[in-house]
């Protein structure tokens, strides 16, 4: 009974001191995002049917199950779909298009007034690079669950070239991410989309410390004579 009592005390201590977080956590660093959500596949759009420095247009939505003038059939990773809203036209831009500042192929709505939707079949973590071309400006990221319920809205100042945004959810699947510039321009181009269920959960450092301390305390009392 003594061991069970101390186990309960340690459990209560651990639960009571772990920080409480909202259902989504955001990241502005890909390295930190990768540490929190390891093992995700990454869509690079490099199977796109576009030459460097050239713009190719096609109608969305596009995914692995559909071929288009932008991507061959099965050219995209399964589990994600890309579309413009209201759309439908998408722009696939080859590497080295100066107004964008993209070293690799990027995808987004053709029209600046449209927003960009990325939908997922099974994901609790999503991270990608945002290109606000052709000018800097504020970009809003809205996160939705599979039932289209809003999980959170985040706005940041995007500059020329890639701007990383990542999000993880600890209570809901992420069904859709909407990328929307906050003026007529800039646009909403993206690249390097990591998405899915992380391969392993990484404990919060404070939680891990408390857990180790609690186990040590349990062992200490277990070794004491009754």
C-alpha atoms as a PDB file:
ATOM      1  CA  UNK A   1       0.000   0.000   0.000  1.00  0.00           C
ATOM      2  CA  UNK A   2       2.899   2.334   0.761  1.00  0.00           C
ATOM      3  CA  UNK A   3       4.260   1.943  -2.752  1.00  0.00           C
ATOM      4  CA  UNK A   4       0.853   2.657  -4.311  1.00  0.00           C
ATOM      5  CA  UNK A   5       0.396   5.704  -2.092  1.00  0.00           C
ATOM      6  CA  UNK A   6       3.725   7.184  -3.121  1.00  0.00           C
ATOM      7  CA  UNK A   7       3.014   6.364  -6.768  1.00  0.00           C
ATOM      8  CA  UNK A   8      -0.193   8.380  -6.499  1.00  0.00           C
ATOM      9  CA  UNK A   9       1.626  11.307  -4.881  1.00  0.00           C
ATOM     10  CA  UNK A  10       4.290  11.337  -7.602  1.00  0.00           C
ATOM     11  CA  UNK A  11       1.657  11.090 -10.330  1.00  0.00           C
ATOM     12  CA  UNK A  12      -0.284  14.008  -8.882  1.00  0.00           C
ATOM     13  CA  UNK A  13       2.930  16.034  -8.615  1.00  0.00           C
ATOM     14  CA  UNK A  14       3.788  15.333 -12.238  1.00  0.00           C
ATOM     15  CA  UNK A  15       0.331  16.210 -13.541  1.00  0.00           C
ATOM     16  CA  UNK A  16       0.054  19.303 -11.408  1.00  0.00           C
ATOM     17  CA  UNK A  17       3.318  20.840 -12.538  1.00  0.00           C
ATOM     18  CA  UNK A  18       3.346  20.027 -16.270  1.00  0.00           C
ATOM     19  CA  UNK A  19       2.636  23.291 -18.180  1.00  0.00           C
ATOM     20  CA  UNK A  20      -0.776  23.383 -19.851  1.00  0.00           C
ATOM     21  CA  UNK A  21      -0.739  24.143 -23.585  1.00  0.00           C
ATOM     22  CA  UNK A  22      -3.377  25.035 -26.155  1.00  0.00           C
ATOM     23  CA  UNK A  23      -4.315  22.321 -28.634  1.00  0.00           C
ATOM     24  CA  UNK A  24      -1.857  23.703 -31.223  1.00  0.00           C
ATOM     25  CA  UNK A  25       1.761  24.810 -30.891  1.00  0.00           C
ATOM     26  CA  UNK A  26       3.434  26.876 -33.623  1.00  0.00           C
ATOM     27  CA  UNK A  27       7.062  27.060 -34.769  1.00  0.00           C
ATOM     28  CA  UNK A  28       9.053  29.625 -36.746  1.00  0.00           C
ATOM     29  CA  UNK A  29      12.133  27.371 -36.950  1.00  0.00           C
ATOM     30  CA  UNK A  30      12.211  24.183 -39.040  1.00  0.00           C
ATOM     31  CA  UNK A  31      14.898  22.718 -36.782  1.00  0.00           C
ATOM     32  CA  UNK A  32      12.695  23.085 -33.699  1.00  0.00           C
ATOM     33  CA  UNK A  33       9.681  21.789 -35.623  1.00  0.00           C
ATOM     34  CA  UNK A  34      11.631  18.734 -36.780  1.00  0.00           C
ATOM     35  CA  UNK A  35      12.704  18.036 -33.200  1.00  0.00           C
ATOM     36  CA  UNK A  36       9.089  18.190 -32.004  1.00  0.00           C
ATOM     37  CA  UNK A  37       7.666  16.291 -34.993  1.00  0.00           C
ATOM     38  CA  UNK A  38      10.311  13.910 -36.367  1.00  0.00           C
ATOM     39  CA  UNK A  39      10.021  11.512 -39.265  1.00  0.00           C
ATOM     40  CA  UNK A  40       7.533  13.385 -41.463  1.00  0.00           C
ATOM     41  CA  UNK A  41       7.529  13.047 -45.265  1.00  0.00           C
ATOM     42  CA  UNK A  42       8.252  16.290 -47.136  1.00  0.00           C
ATOM     43  CA  UNK A  43       6.562  17.413 -50.341  1.00  0.00           C
ATOM     44  CA  UNK A  44       9.119  19.397 -52.364  1.00  0.00           C
ATOM     45  CA  UNK A  45       7.095  19.803 -55.612  1.00  0.00           C
ATOM     46  CA  UNK A  46      10.207  18.776 -57.543  1.00  0.00           C
ATOM     47  CA  UNK A  47       8.147  16.356 -59.664  1.00  0.00           C
ATOM     48  CA  UNK A  48       6.416  19.438 -61.091  1.00  0.00           C
ATOM     49  CA  UNK A  49       6.240  19.790 -64.870  1.00  0.00           C
ATOM     50  CA  UNK A  50       7.954  23.176 -65.016  1.00  0.00           C
ATOM     51  CA  UNK A  51      11.388  24.417 -66.095  1.00  0.00           C
ATOM     52  CA  UNK A  52      13.577  26.643 -63.882  1.00  0.00           C
ATOM     53  CA  UNK A  53      12.447  30.262 -63.867  1.00  0.00           C
ATOM     54  CA  UNK A  54       9.165  29.454 -65.673  1.00  0.00           C
ATOM     55  CA  UNK A  55       5.530  29.659 -64.461  1.00  0.00           C
ATOM     56  CA  UNK A  56       3.120  26.826 -65.300  1.00  0.00           C
ATOM     57  CA  UNK A  57      -0.607  27.188 -64.571  1.00  0.00           C
ATOM     58  CA  UNK A  58      -3.140  24.457 -63.878  1.00  0.00           C
ATOM     59  CA  UNK A  59      -6.537  24.121 -62.246  1.00  0.00           C
ATOM     60  CA  UNK A  60      -6.724  22.725 -58.712  1.00  0.00           C
ATOM     61  CA  UNK A  61      -7.249  20.851 -56.619  1.00  0.00           C
ATOM     62  CA  UNK A  62      -4.120  18.782 -57.265  1.00  0.00           C
ATOM     63  CA  UNK A  63      -3.050  15.657 -55.375  1.00  0.00           C
ATOM     64  CA  UNK A  64      -1.419  12.260 -55.913  1.00  0.00           C
ATOM     65  CA  UNK A  65      -4.583  10.820 -57.483  1.00  0.00           C
ATOM     66  CA  UNK A  66      -4.863  13.417 -60.243  1.00  0.00           C
ATOM     67  CA  UNK A  67      -2.644  14.377 -63.138  1.00  0.00           C
ATOM     68  CA  UNK A  68      -2.492  17.925 -64.530  1.00  0.00           C
ATOM     69  CA  UNK A  69      -0.324  20.277 -66.539  1.00  0.00           C
ATOM     70  CA  UNK A  70       1.499  20.966 -63.246  1.00  0.00           C
ATOM     71  CA  UNK A  71       2.095  17.427 -61.948  1.00  0.00           C
ATOM     72  CA  UNK A  72       2.034  13.910 -63.388  1.00  0.00           C
ATOM     73  CA  UNK A  73      -0.291  11.270 -61.935  1.00  0.00           C
ATOM     74  CA  UNK A  74       1.130  10.136 -58.561  1.00  0.00           C
ATOM     75  CA  UNK A  75       3.658  12.964 -58.747  1.00  0.00           C
ATOM     76  CA  UNK A  76       2.657  14.345 -55.336  1.00  0.00           C
ATOM     77  CA  UNK A  77       2.883  12.584 -51.981  1.00  0.00           C
ATOM     78  CA  UNK A  78      -0.362  10.866 -50.938  1.00  0.00           C
ATOM     79  CA  UNK A  79      -2.307  12.373 -48.051  1.00  0.00           C
ATOM     80  CA  UNK A  80      -2.303  16.027 -49.132  1.00  0.00           C
ATOM     81  CA  UNK A  81      -4.358  18.147 -51.557  1.00  0.00           C
ATOM     82  CA  UNK A  82      -3.610  21.686 -52.782  1.00  0.00           C
ATOM     83  CA  UNK A  83      -6.198  24.201 -53.993  1.00  0.00           C
ATOM     84  CA  UNK A  84      -6.825  27.921 -54.442  1.00  0.00           C
ATOM     85  CA  UNK A  85      -9.869  29.636 -52.937  1.00  0.00           C
ATOM     86  CA  UNK A  86     -12.036  30.652 -54.670  1.00  0.00           C
ATOM     87  CA  UNK A  87      -9.646  29.545 -57.423  1.00  0.00           C
ATOM     88  CA  UNK A  88      -9.326  27.288 -59.248  1.00  0.00           C
ATOM     89  CA  UNK A  89      -6.070  28.339 -60.952  1.00  0.00           C
ATOM     90  CA  UNK A  90      -2.714  27.390 -59.395  1.00  0.00           C
ATOM     91  CA  UNK A  91       0.776  28.596 -60.327  1.00  0.00           C
ATOM     92  CA  UNK A  92       3.746  26.218 -60.277  1.00  0.00           C
ATOM     93  CA  UNK A  93       6.939  28.280 -60.411  1.00  0.00           C
ATOM     94  CA  UNK A  94      10.292  26.767 -61.333  1.00  0.00           C
ATOM     95  CA  UNK A  95      13.459  27.370 -59.340  1.00  0.00           C
ATOM     96  CA  UNK A  96      15.231  30.704 -59.641  1.00  0.00           C
ATOM     97  CA  UNK A  97      12.307  32.990 -60.434  1.00  0.00           C
ATOM     98  CA  UNK A  98      13.739  36.268 -59.158  1.00  0.00           C
ATOM     99  CA  UNK A  99      10.546  37.991 -57.901  1.00  0.00           C
ATOM    100  CA  UNK A 100       9.910  34.968 -55.646  1.00  0.00           C
ATOM    101  CA  UNK A 101      13.443  34.224 -54.445  1.00  0.00           C
ATOM    102  CA  UNK A 102      12.910  30.471 -54.668  1.00  0.00           C
ATOM    103  CA  UNK A 103      15.861  28.110 -54.926  1.00  0.00           C
ATOM    104  CA  UNK A 104      13.443  25.282 -55.737  1.00  0.00           C
ATOM    105  CA  UNK A 105       9.966  24.789 -57.240  1.00  0.00           C
ATOM    106  CA  UNK A 106       7.072  26.452 -55.379  1.00  0.00           C
ATOM    107  CA  UNK A 107       3.266  26.245 -55.642  1.00  0.00           C
ATOM    108  CA  UNK A 108       0.451  28.675 -54.886  1.00  0.00           C
ATOM    109  CA  UNK A 109      -2.634  30.460 -56.235  1.00  0.00           C
ATOM    110  CA  UNK A 110      -2.283  32.172 -59.610  1.00  0.00           C
ATOM    111  CA  UNK A 111      -4.266  35.228 -58.451  1.00  0.00           C
ATOM    112  CA  UNK A 112      -3.090  37.373 -55.549  1.00  0.00           C
ATOM    113  CA  UNK A 113      -6.677  37.828 -54.332  1.00  0.00           C
ATOM    114  CA  UNK A 114      -7.065  34.061 -53.799  1.00  0.00           C
ATOM    115  CA  UNK A 115      -5.998  32.168 -50.696  1.00  0.00           C
ATOM    116  CA  UNK A 116      -4.249  28.794 -50.599  1.00  0.00           C
ATOM    117  CA  UNK A 117      -5.675  25.646 -48.982  1.00  0.00           C
ATOM    118  CA  UNK A 118      -3.633  22.579 -48.046  1.00  0.00           C
ATOM    119  CA  UNK A 119      -5.804  19.649 -46.930  1.00  0.00           C
ATOM    120  CA  UNK A 120      -4.636  16.479 -45.160  1.00  0.00           C
ATOM    121  CA  UNK A 121      -6.118  13.027 -44.651  1.00  0.00           C
ATOM    122  CA  UNK A 122      -4.159  12.151 -41.495  1.00  0.00           C
ATOM    123  CA  UNK A 123      -1.894  14.732 -39.861  1.00  0.00           C
ATOM    124  CA  UNK A 124      -1.185  16.164 -36.427  1.00  0.00           C
ATOM    125  CA  UNK A 125       1.862  18.157 -37.578  1.00  0.00           C
ATOM    126  CA  UNK A 126       2.406  20.409 -40.600  1.00  0.00           C
ATOM    127  CA  UNK A 127       5.356  22.631 -41.521  1.00  0.00           C
ATOM    128  CA  UNK A 128       6.197  24.536 -44.707  1.00  0.00           C
ATOM    129  CA  UNK A 129       8.035  27.500 -46.233  1.00  0.00           C
ATOM    130  CA  UNK A 130       5.958  30.539 -47.249  1.00  0.00           C
ATOM    131  CA  UNK A 131       7.100  32.872 -50.059  1.00  0.00           C
ATOM    132  CA  UNK A 132       5.217  36.218 -50.059  1.00  0.00           C
ATOM    133  CA  UNK A 133       6.323  37.241 -53.567  1.00  0.00           C
ATOM    134  CA  UNK A 134       6.528  39.657 -55.210  1.00  0.00           C
ATOM    135  CA  UNK A 135       6.604  41.934 -52.131  1.00  0.00           C
ATOM    136  CA  UNK A 136       6.971  41.516 -48.374  1.00  0.00           C
ATOM    137  CA  UNK A 137       3.813  41.555 -46.283  1.00  0.00           C
ATOM    138  CA  UNK A 138       1.734  40.003 -43.527  1.00  0.00           C
ATOM    139  CA  UNK A 139       0.495  36.447 -44.045  1.00  0.00           C
ATOM    140  CA  UNK A 140      -2.255  34.778 -42.011  1.00  0.00           C
ATOM    141  CA  UNK A 141      -2.228  31.026 -41.366  1.00  0.00           C
ATOM    142  CA  UNK A 142      -5.515  29.441 -40.241  1.00  0.00           C
ATOM    143  CA  UNK A 143      -5.570  25.864 -38.913  1.00  0.00           C
ATOM    144  CA  UNK A 144      -8.739  23.718 -39.132  1.00  0.00           C
ATOM    145  CA  UNK A 145      -9.702  20.245 -37.936  1.00  0.00           C
ATOM    146  CA  UNK A 146     -11.208  17.655 -40.350  1.00  0.00           C
ATOM    147  CA  UNK A 147     -14.711  18.987 -39.572  1.00  0.00           C
ATOM    148  CA  UNK A 148     -13.594  22.512 -40.573  1.00  0.00           C
ATOM    149  CA  UNK A 149     -13.544  23.694 -36.962  1.00  0.00           C
ATOM    150  CA  UNK A 150     -11.006  26.467 -36.399  1.00  0.00           C
ATOM    151  CA  UNK A 151      -8.050  25.386 -34.218  1.00  0.00           C
ATOM    152  CA  UNK A 152      -6.131  28.663 -34.428  1.00  0.00           C
ATOM    153  CA  UNK A 153      -5.202  31.687 -36.532  1.00  0.00           C
ATOM    154  CA  UNK A 154      -1.684  33.125 -36.685  1.00  0.00           C
ATOM    155  CA  UNK A 155      -0.320  36.180 -38.529  1.00  0.00           C
ATOM    156  CA  UNK A 156       3.336  36.973 -39.175  1.00  0.00           C
ATOM    157  CA  UNK A 157       5.383  39.398 -41.278  1.00  0.00           C
ATOM    158  CA  UNK A 158       6.815  37.495 -44.274  1.00  0.00           C
ATOM    159  CA  UNK A 159       9.893  38.769 -46.120  1.00  0.00           C
ATOM    160  CA  UNK A 160      11.342  37.981 -49.558  1.00  0.00           C
ATOM    161  CA  UNK A 161      12.383  34.347 -49.800  1.00  0.00           C
ATOM    162  CA  UNK A 162      11.316  31.416 -47.582  1.00  0.00           C
ATOM    163  CA  UNK A 163       9.588  31.991 -44.214  1.00  0.00           C
ATOM    164  CA  UNK A 164       9.031  28.836 -42.166  1.00  0.00           C
ATOM    165  CA  UNK A 165       5.758  28.126 -40.365  1.00  0.00           C
ATOM    166  CA  UNK A 166       5.042  24.927 -38.472  1.00  0.00           C
ATOM    167  CA  UNK A 167       2.224  23.694 -36.254  1.00  0.00           C
ATOM    168  CA  UNK A 168       1.543  20.611 -34.154  1.00  0.00           C
ATOM    169  CA  UNK A 169      -1.749  19.575 -32.560  1.00  0.00           C
ATOM    170  CA  UNK A 170      -1.922  17.567 -29.347  1.00  0.00           C
ATOM    171  CA  UNK A 171      -5.682  16.980 -29.325  1.00  0.00           C
ATOM    172  CA  UNK A 172      -7.087  17.118 -32.885  1.00  0.00           C
ATOM    173  CA  UNK A 173      -6.142  16.045 -36.376  1.00  0.00           C
ATOM    174  CA  UNK A 174      -5.224  18.906 -38.710  1.00  0.00           C
ATOM    175  CA  UNK A 175      -7.623  18.700 -41.637  1.00  0.00           C
ATOM    176  CA  UNK A 176      -6.731  21.889 -43.490  1.00  0.00           C
ATOM    177  CA  UNK A 177      -4.338  24.829 -43.443  1.00  0.00           C
ATOM    178  CA  UNK A 178      -5.287  28.097 -45.164  1.00  0.00           C
ATOM    179  CA  UNK A 179      -2.569  30.572 -46.201  1.00  0.00           C
ATOM    180  CA  UNK A 180      -3.811  34.110 -46.861  1.00  0.00           C
ATOM    181  CA  UNK A 181      -1.906  37.346 -47.451  1.00  0.00           C
ATOM    182  CA  UNK A 182      -3.387  40.317 -45.626  1.00  0.00           C
ATOM    183  CA  UNK A 183      -3.492  42.643 -48.653  1.00  0.00           C
ATOM    184  CA  UNK A 184      -4.044  42.355 -52.416  1.00  0.00           C
ATOM    185  CA  UNK A 185      -0.388  41.381 -52.668  1.00  0.00           C
ATOM    186  CA  UNK A 186       1.803  39.511 -51.643  1.00  0.00           C
ATOM    187  CA  UNK A 187       0.917  36.025 -52.845  1.00  0.00           C
ATOM    188  CA  UNK A 188       0.848  32.731 -50.955  1.00  0.00           C
ATOM    189  CA  UNK A 189       3.472  30.432 -52.470  1.00  0.00           C
ATOM    190  CA  UNK A 190       4.771  27.451 -50.492  1.00  0.00           C
ATOM    191  CA  UNK A 191       7.463  24.768 -50.582  1.00  0.00           C
ATOM    192  CA  UNK A 192       8.865  21.870 -48.527  1.00  0.00           C
ATOM    193  CA  UNK A 193       5.585  20.795 -46.911  1.00  0.00           C
ATOM    194  CA  UNK A 194       6.232  18.347 -44.046  1.00  0.00           C
ATOM    195  CA  UNK A 195       3.043  16.671 -42.832  1.00  0.00           C
ATOM    196  CA  UNK A 196       1.649  13.611 -41.083  1.00  0.00           C
ATOM    197  CA  UNK A 197       1.855  11.872 -37.716  1.00  0.00           C
ATOM    198  CA  UNK A 198       5.283  12.266 -36.045  1.00  0.00           C
ATOM    199  CA  UNK A 199       7.238   9.030 -35.705  1.00  0.00           C
ATOM    200  CA  UNK A 200       7.837   9.568 -31.973  1.00  0.00           C
ATOM    201  CA  UNK A 201       6.620  11.889 -29.255  1.00  0.00           C
ATOM    202  CA  UNK A 202       9.355  14.030 -27.679  1.00  0.00           C
ATOM    203  CA  UNK A 203       8.650  14.683 -23.946  1.00  0.00           C
ATOM    204  CA  UNK A 204       8.782  18.230 -22.670  1.00  0.00           C
ATOM    205  CA  UNK A 205      12.099  18.663 -20.757  1.00  0.00           C
ATOM    206  CA  UNK A 206      10.325  19.690 -17.540  1.00  0.00           C
ATOM    207  CA  UNK A 207       7.984  16.702 -17.756  1.00  0.00           C
ATOM    208  CA  UNK A 208      10.867  14.310 -18.357  1.00  0.00           C
ATOM    209  CA  UNK A 209      12.771  15.682 -15.359  1.00  0.00           C
ATOM    210  CA  UNK A 210       9.751  15.262 -13.099  1.00  0.00           C
ATOM    211  CA  UNK A 211       9.131  11.757 -14.368  1.00  0.00           C
ATOM    212  CA  UNK A 212      12.720  10.685 -13.662  1.00  0.00           C
ATOM    213  CA  UNK A 213      12.572  12.300 -10.227  1.00  0.00           C
ATOM    214  CA  UNK A 214       9.295  10.548  -9.436  1.00  0.00           C
ATOM    215  CA  UNK A 215      10.669   7.162 -10.411  1.00  0.00           C
ATOM    216  CA  UNK A 216      13.757   7.723  -8.287  1.00  0.00           C
ATOM    217  CA  UNK A 217      11.535   8.616  -5.323  1.00  0.00           C
ATOM    218  CA  UNK A 218       9.498   5.460  -5.842  1.00  0.00           C
ATOM    219  CA  UNK A 219      12.632   3.305  -5.868  1.00  0.00           C
ATOM    220  CA  UNK A 220      13.897   4.971  -2.725  1.00  0.00           C
ATOM    221  CA  UNK A 221      10.734   4.236  -0.738  1.00  0.00           C
ATOM    222  CA  UNK A 222      10.499   0.738  -2.194  1.00  0.00           C
ATOM    223  CA  UNK A 223      13.933  -0.100  -0.766  1.00  0.00           C
ATOM    224  CA  UNK A 224      13.055   1.109   2.758  1.00  0.00           C
ATOM    225  CA  UNK A 225      11.989  -1.643   5.146  1.00  0.00           C
ATOM    226  CA  UNK A 226       8.240  -1.817   5.865  1.00  0.00           C
END
